[in-house]
Amino acid sequence: MAIDKLLSPFRLGTLTLPNRVVMAPLTRSRAAQPGDVPTALNAEYYAQRAGAGLIVAETAQISRQGQGYALTPGIYSGAQIDGWRLVTDAVHCKDGHIALQLYERLCSCLR
């Protein structure tokens, strides 16, 4: 793919992305404790990368029991939702687009 095509705007559903670069999710293990809450540090990290066409944020467990790795942020409490709001606001202030990767660890009884 030519570089001009890679860096050209792209329509994804109702979104028009500024380019075709997608930042893959990377677990950072930096959620605040207690509570596995995203922080201003998470917001800064993602805002610095807002030039990508789309950021896919790190995994966020949807329940306390669904956490697979220590210090990863969740999305099941009010404090966590507020933390992710900091992140999304920071990315949107830089005209970026971000999606959250939802995660639920399966219990070992299903093996």
N, C-alpha and C. Protein backbone atom coordinates (compact mmCIF):
# COMPACT_ATOMS: atom_id res chain seq x y z
N MET A 1 0.85 -1.17 0.00
CA MET A 1 0.00 0.00 0.00
C MET A 1 0.89 1.24 0.00
N ALA A 2 0.63 2.15 -0.85
CA ALA A 2 1.41 3.38 -0.92
C ALA A 2 1.18 4.21 0.33
N ILE A 3 2.21 4.95 0.73
CA ILE A 3 2.13 5.75 1.95
C ILE A 3 1.01 6.77 1.89
N ASP A 4 0.74 7.33 0.70
CA ASP A 4 -0.33 8.31 0.60
C ASP A 4 -1.70 7.68 0.88
N LYS A 5 -1.87 6.43 0.51
CA LYS A 5 -3.12 5.71 0.81
C LYS A 5 -3.23 5.43 2.31
N LEU A 6 -2.12 5.03 2.93
CA LEU A 6 -2.08 4.75 4.36
C LEU A 6 -2.45 5.98 5.18
N LEU A 7 -2.01 7.13 4.73
CA LEU A 7 -2.22 8.36 5.49
C LEU A 7 -3.45 9.15 5.04
N SER A 8 -4.25 8.58 4.15
CA SER A 8 -5.45 9.27 3.68
C SER A 8 -6.63 8.93 4.59
N PRO A 9 -7.63 9.82 4.67
CA PRO A 9 -8.81 9.56 5.50
C PRO A 9 -9.52 8.28 5.08
N PHE A 10 -10.21 7.68 6.05
CA PHE A 10 -10.88 6.40 5.84
C PHE A 10 -12.22 6.41 6.55
N ARG A 11 -13.24 5.96 5.89
CA ARG A 11 -14.58 5.91 6.48
C ARG A 11 -14.78 4.54 7.14
N LEU A 12 -15.11 4.56 8.43
CA LEU A 12 -15.37 3.34 9.20
C LEU A 12 -16.73 3.51 9.87
N GLY A 13 -17.75 2.94 9.26
CA GLY A 13 -19.11 3.14 9.78
C GLY A 13 -19.47 4.61 9.72
N THR A 14 -19.83 5.17 10.87
CA THR A 14 -20.19 6.59 10.92
C THR A 14 -18.99 7.49 11.18
N LEU A 15 -17.82 6.91 11.40
CA LEU A 15 -16.61 7.69 11.67
C LEU A 15 -15.81 7.92 10.41
N THR A 16 -15.20 9.08 10.33
CA THR A 16 -14.20 9.32 9.31
C THR A 16 -12.87 9.44 10.03
N LEU A 17 -12.02 8.44 9.86
CA LEU A 17 -10.72 8.42 10.50
C LEU A 17 -9.74 9.24 9.67
N PRO A 18 -8.80 9.94 10.32
CA PRO A 18 -7.87 10.78 9.58
C PRO A 18 -6.86 10.00 8.75
N ASN A 19 -6.67 8.73 9.10
CA ASN A 19 -5.73 7.87 8.37
C ASN A 19 -6.09 6.41 8.65
N ARG A 20 -5.34 5.49 8.06
CA ARG A 20 -5.63 4.06 8.19
C ARG A 20 -4.73 3.37 9.21
N VAL A 21 -4.12 4.14 10.07
CA VAL A 21 -3.24 3.60 11.10
C VAL A 21 -4.10 3.23 12.32
N VAL A 22 -3.97 1.98 12.77
CA VAL A 22 -4.70 1.53 13.96
C VAL A 22 -3.67 1.12 15.00
N MET A 23 -3.79 1.71 16.19
CA MET A 23 -2.91 1.35 17.29
C MET A 23 -3.50 0.14 18.00
N ALA A 24 -2.74 -0.95 18.03
CA ALA A 24 -3.20 -2.19 18.66
C ALA A 24 -3.24 -2.04 20.18
N PRO A 25 -4.10 -2.81 20.85
CA PRO A 25 -4.17 -2.73 22.31
C PRO A 25 -2.92 -3.29 22.97
N LEU A 26 -2.48 -2.60 24.01
CA LEU A 26 -1.30 -3.01 24.77
C LEU A 26 -1.64 -2.91 26.25
N THR A 27 -1.61 -4.01 26.97
CA THR A 27 -1.86 -3.96 28.40
C THR A 27 -0.72 -3.25 29.09
N ARG A 28 -1.04 -2.21 29.86
CA ARG A 28 -0.02 -1.36 30.46
C ARG A 28 0.18 -1.66 31.95
N SER A 29 -0.80 -2.28 32.60
CA SER A 29 -0.73 -2.60 34.04
C SER A 29 -0.41 -1.38 34.89
N ARG A 30 -1.16 -0.30 34.66
CA ARG A 30 -0.93 0.94 35.41
C ARG A 30 -2.21 1.50 36.02
N ALA A 31 -3.20 0.67 36.23
CA ALA A 31 -4.45 1.14 36.83
C ALA A 31 -4.23 1.45 38.31
N ALA A 32 -4.90 2.49 38.80
CA ALA A 32 -4.78 2.90 40.20
C ALA A 32 -5.43 1.86 41.10
N GLN A 33 -4.81 1.69 42.27
CA GLN A 33 -5.31 0.76 43.26
C GLN A 33 -5.68 1.52 44.53
N PRO A 34 -6.69 1.09 45.25
CA PRO A 34 -7.57 -0.02 44.91
C PRO A 34 -8.57 0.39 43.84
N GLY A 35 -9.14 -0.58 43.18
CA GLY A 35 -10.24 -0.32 42.27
C GLY A 35 -9.97 -0.46 40.79
N ASP A 36 -8.69 -0.65 40.40
CA ASP A 36 -8.37 -0.85 38.98
C ASP A 36 -8.93 0.27 38.11
N VAL A 37 -8.60 1.51 38.49
CA VAL A 37 -9.15 2.71 37.85
C VAL A 37 -8.13 3.34 36.90
N PRO A 38 -8.53 3.66 35.66
CA PRO A 38 -7.64 4.41 34.77
C PRO A 38 -7.35 5.79 35.38
N THR A 39 -6.17 6.31 35.13
CA THR A 39 -5.72 7.56 35.75
C THR A 39 -5.34 8.60 34.70
N ALA A 40 -4.90 9.75 35.18
CA ALA A 40 -4.41 10.81 34.29
C ALA A 40 -3.22 10.32 33.48
N LEU A 41 -2.42 9.41 34.03
CA LEU A 41 -1.29 8.84 33.29
C LEU A 41 -1.79 8.05 32.07
N ASN A 42 -2.86 7.30 32.25
CA ASN A 42 -3.47 6.58 31.11
C ASN A 42 -3.97 7.58 30.07
N ALA A 43 -4.62 8.63 30.53
CA ALA A 43 -5.14 9.65 29.62
C ALA A 43 -4.01 10.30 28.83
N GLU A 44 -2.92 10.61 29.49
CA GLU A 44 -1.77 11.22 28.81
C GLU A 44 -1.18 10.26 27.77
N TYR A 45 -1.03 9.01 28.14
CA TYR A 45 -0.47 8.00 27.23
C TYR A 45 -1.29 7.91 25.94
N TYR A 46 -2.60 7.79 26.07
CA TYR A 46 -3.44 7.65 24.88
C TYR A 46 -3.53 8.96 24.10
N ALA A 47 -3.59 10.09 24.78
CA ALA A 47 -3.64 11.38 24.08
C ALA A 47 -2.39 11.60 23.24
N GLN A 48 -1.24 11.13 23.73
CA GLN A 48 0.01 11.26 22.97
C GLN A 48 -0.05 10.46 21.67
N ARG A 49 -0.94 9.51 21.58
CA ARG A 49 -1.03 8.64 20.40
C ARG A 49 -2.29 8.91 19.57
N ALA A 50 -2.93 10.02 19.84
CA ALA A 50 -4.20 10.35 19.18
C ALA A 50 -4.06 10.59 17.68
N GLY A 51 -2.86 10.71 17.17
CA GLY A 51 -2.65 10.89 15.74
C GLY A 51 -2.92 9.63 14.93
N ALA A 52 -2.99 8.49 15.60
CA ALA A 52 -3.38 7.25 14.89
C ALA A 52 -4.82 7.41 14.44
N GLY A 53 -5.17 6.76 13.35
CA GLY A 53 -6.55 6.84 12.88
C GLY A 53 -7.53 6.33 13.92
N LEU A 54 -7.16 5.24 14.58
CA LEU A 54 -7.99 4.64 15.62
C LEU A 54 -7.08 4.00 16.66
N ILE A 55 -7.36 4.26 17.92
CA ILE A 55 -6.67 3.62 19.03
C ILE A 55 -7.61 2.54 19.58
N VAL A 56 -7.11 1.33 19.72
CA VAL A 56 -7.84 0.30 20.43
C VAL A 56 -7.17 0.20 21.80
N ALA A 57 -7.88 0.64 22.83
CA ALA A 57 -7.31 0.71 24.17
C ALA A 57 -7.10 -0.69 24.75
N GLU A 58 -6.29 -0.74 25.79
CA GLU A 58 -5.99 -2.00 26.48
C GLU A 58 -7.26 -2.67 26.99
N THR A 59 -7.14 -3.92 27.35
CA THR A 59 -8.29 -4.66 27.85
C THR A 59 -8.83 -4.03 29.13
N ALA A 60 -10.13 -4.05 29.25
CA ALA A 60 -10.80 -3.59 30.46
C ALA A 60 -11.79 -4.67 30.86
N GLN A 61 -11.58 -5.24 32.04
CA GLN A 61 -12.46 -6.31 32.49
C GLN A 61 -13.83 -5.75 32.84
N ILE A 62 -14.85 -6.54 32.56
CA ILE A 62 -16.22 -6.10 32.76
C ILE A 62 -16.78 -6.52 34.12
N SER A 63 -15.98 -7.22 34.92
CA SER A 63 -16.37 -7.58 36.28
C SER A 63 -15.10 -7.81 37.10
N ARG A 64 -15.25 -7.72 38.41
CA ARG A 64 -14.10 -7.97 39.29
C ARG A 64 -13.57 -9.39 39.11
N GLN A 65 -14.47 -10.34 38.94
CA GLN A 65 -14.07 -11.73 38.78
C GLN A 65 -13.43 -11.99 37.41
N GLY A 66 -13.65 -11.10 36.48
CA GLY A 66 -13.15 -11.30 35.13
C GLY A 66 -11.75 -10.80 34.89
N GLN A 67 -11.09 -10.29 35.94
CA GLN A 67 -9.74 -9.75 35.77
C GLN A 67 -8.75 -10.88 35.53
N GLY A 68 -7.98 -10.75 34.47
CA GLY A 68 -7.00 -11.78 34.14
C GLY A 68 -5.58 -11.40 34.53
N TYR A 69 -5.30 -10.10 34.64
CA TYR A 69 -3.95 -9.62 34.93
C TYR A 69 -4.02 -8.53 35.98
N ALA A 70 -3.03 -8.46 36.85
CA ALA A 70 -2.98 -7.46 37.90
C ALA A 70 -2.84 -6.06 37.31
N LEU A 71 -3.42 -5.09 38.00
CA LEU A 71 -3.28 -3.67 37.69
C LEU A 71 -3.87 -3.25 36.35
N THR A 72 -4.77 -4.06 35.81
CA THR A 72 -5.43 -3.69 34.56
C THR A 72 -6.74 -2.97 34.89
N PRO A 73 -7.12 -1.99 34.09
CA PRO A 73 -8.32 -1.22 34.40
C PRO A 73 -9.60 -2.00 34.10
N GLY A 74 -10.61 -1.69 34.87
CA GLY A 74 -11.93 -2.27 34.63
C GLY A 74 -12.86 -1.24 34.03
N ILE A 75 -14.10 -1.68 33.80
CA ILE A 75 -15.14 -0.79 33.28
C ILE A 75 -16.48 -1.14 33.94
N TYR A 76 -16.43 -1.65 35.19
CA TYR A 76 -17.65 -2.09 35.86
C TYR A 76 -18.04 -1.24 37.06
N SER A 77 -17.26 -0.22 37.41
CA SER A 77 -17.61 0.64 38.55
C SER A 77 -17.69 2.09 38.09
N GLY A 78 -18.36 2.90 38.88
CA GLY A 78 -18.46 4.32 38.56
C GLY A 78 -17.11 5.00 38.49
N ALA A 79 -16.21 4.66 39.41
CA ALA A 79 -14.87 5.26 39.40
C ALA A 79 -14.10 4.88 38.12
N GLN A 80 -14.25 3.65 37.69
CA GLN A 80 -13.58 3.20 36.46
C GLN A 80 -14.16 3.92 35.24
N ILE A 81 -15.46 4.05 35.19
CA ILE A 81 -16.10 4.76 34.08
C ILE A 81 -15.60 6.21 34.04
N ASP A 82 -15.50 6.83 35.22
CA ASP A 82 -14.97 8.20 35.28
C ASP A 82 -13.53 8.25 34.79
N GLY A 83 -12.73 7.23 35.14
CA GLY A 83 -11.35 7.16 34.68
C GLY A 83 -11.26 7.04 33.17
N TRP A 84 -12.11 6.19 32.59
CA TRP A 84 -12.12 6.06 31.13
C TRP A 84 -12.63 7.34 30.47
N ARG A 85 -13.51 8.08 31.16
CA ARG A 85 -13.96 9.37 30.62
C ARG A 85 -12.78 10.33 30.51
N LEU A 86 -11.87 10.32 31.50
CA LEU A 86 -10.64 11.13 31.40
C LEU A 86 -9.86 10.76 30.15
N VAL A 87 -9.74 9.46 29.91
CA VAL A 87 -8.98 8.97 28.75
C VAL A 87 -9.65 9.41 27.45
N THR A 88 -10.94 9.14 27.33
CA THR A 88 -11.62 9.47 26.07
C THR A 88 -11.65 10.98 25.83
N ASP A 89 -11.86 11.76 26.89
CA ASP A 89 -11.84 13.22 26.73
C ASP A 89 -10.48 13.70 26.25
N ALA A 90 -9.40 13.14 26.80
CA ALA A 90 -8.04 13.54 26.41
C ALA A 90 -7.78 13.20 24.94
N VAL A 91 -8.22 12.04 24.50
CA VAL A 91 -8.04 11.63 23.10
C VAL A 91 -8.90 12.50 22.18
N HIS A 92 -10.14 12.73 22.57
CA HIS A 92 -11.03 13.55 21.74
C HIS A 92 -10.55 14.99 21.65
N CYS A 93 -9.93 15.51 22.71
CA CYS A 93 -9.37 16.88 22.67
C CYS A 93 -8.28 17.01 21.61
N LYS A 94 -7.67 15.89 21.26
CA LYS A 94 -6.63 15.88 20.22
C LYS A 94 -7.21 15.40 18.89
N ASP A 95 -8.55 15.39 18.78
CA ASP A 95 -9.26 14.95 17.58
C ASP A 95 -9.00 13.49 17.24
N GLY A 96 -8.73 12.68 18.25
CA GLY A 96 -8.48 11.25 18.04
C GLY A 96 -9.74 10.42 18.24
N HIS A 97 -9.63 9.16 17.85
CA HIS A 97 -10.71 8.18 18.00
C HIS A 97 -10.18 7.00 18.81
N ILE A 98 -10.99 6.52 19.74
CA ILE A 98 -10.55 5.44 20.61
C ILE A 98 -11.70 4.46 20.84
N ALA A 99 -11.37 3.18 20.92
CA ALA A 99 -12.33 2.12 21.23
C ALA A 99 -11.75 1.30 22.38
N LEU A 100 -12.59 0.83 23.24
CA LEU A 100 -12.15 0.04 24.39
C LEU A 100 -12.28 -1.45 24.10
N GLN A 101 -11.25 -2.20 24.43
CA GLN A 101 -11.29 -3.65 24.28
C GLN A 101 -11.85 -4.24 25.57
N LEU A 102 -13.04 -4.81 25.51
CA LEU A 102 -13.67 -5.42 26.69
C LEU A 102 -13.11 -6.81 26.90
N TYR A 103 -13.02 -7.20 28.20
CA TYR A 103 -12.35 -8.45 28.54
C TYR A 103 -13.09 -9.13 29.68
N GLU A 104 -13.20 -10.42 29.60
CA GLU A 104 -13.74 -11.24 30.70
C GLU A 104 -12.99 -12.55 30.71
N ARG A 105 -12.23 -12.78 31.76
CA ARG A 105 -11.48 -14.03 31.89
C ARG A 105 -12.48 -15.14 32.20
N LEU A 106 -12.38 -16.23 31.47
CA LEU A 106 -13.25 -17.37 31.74
C LEU A 106 -12.78 -18.10 32.98
N CYS A 107 -13.72 -18.64 33.72
CA CYS A 107 -13.34 -19.38 34.92
C CYS A 107 -12.67 -20.70 34.53
N SER A 108 -11.82 -21.18 35.41
CA SER A 108 -11.08 -22.41 35.12
C SER A 108 -12.00 -23.64 35.07
N CYS A 109 -13.22 -23.51 35.58
CA CYS A 109 -14.13 -24.66 35.57
C CYS A 109 -14.60 -25.02 34.15
N LEU A 110 -14.36 -24.15 33.18
CA LEU A 110 -14.80 -24.42 31.81
C LEU A 110 -13.76 -25.18 31.00
N ARG A 111 -12.65 -25.49 31.59
CA ARG A 111 -11.59 -26.20 30.86
C ARG A 111 -11.88 -27.66 30.73
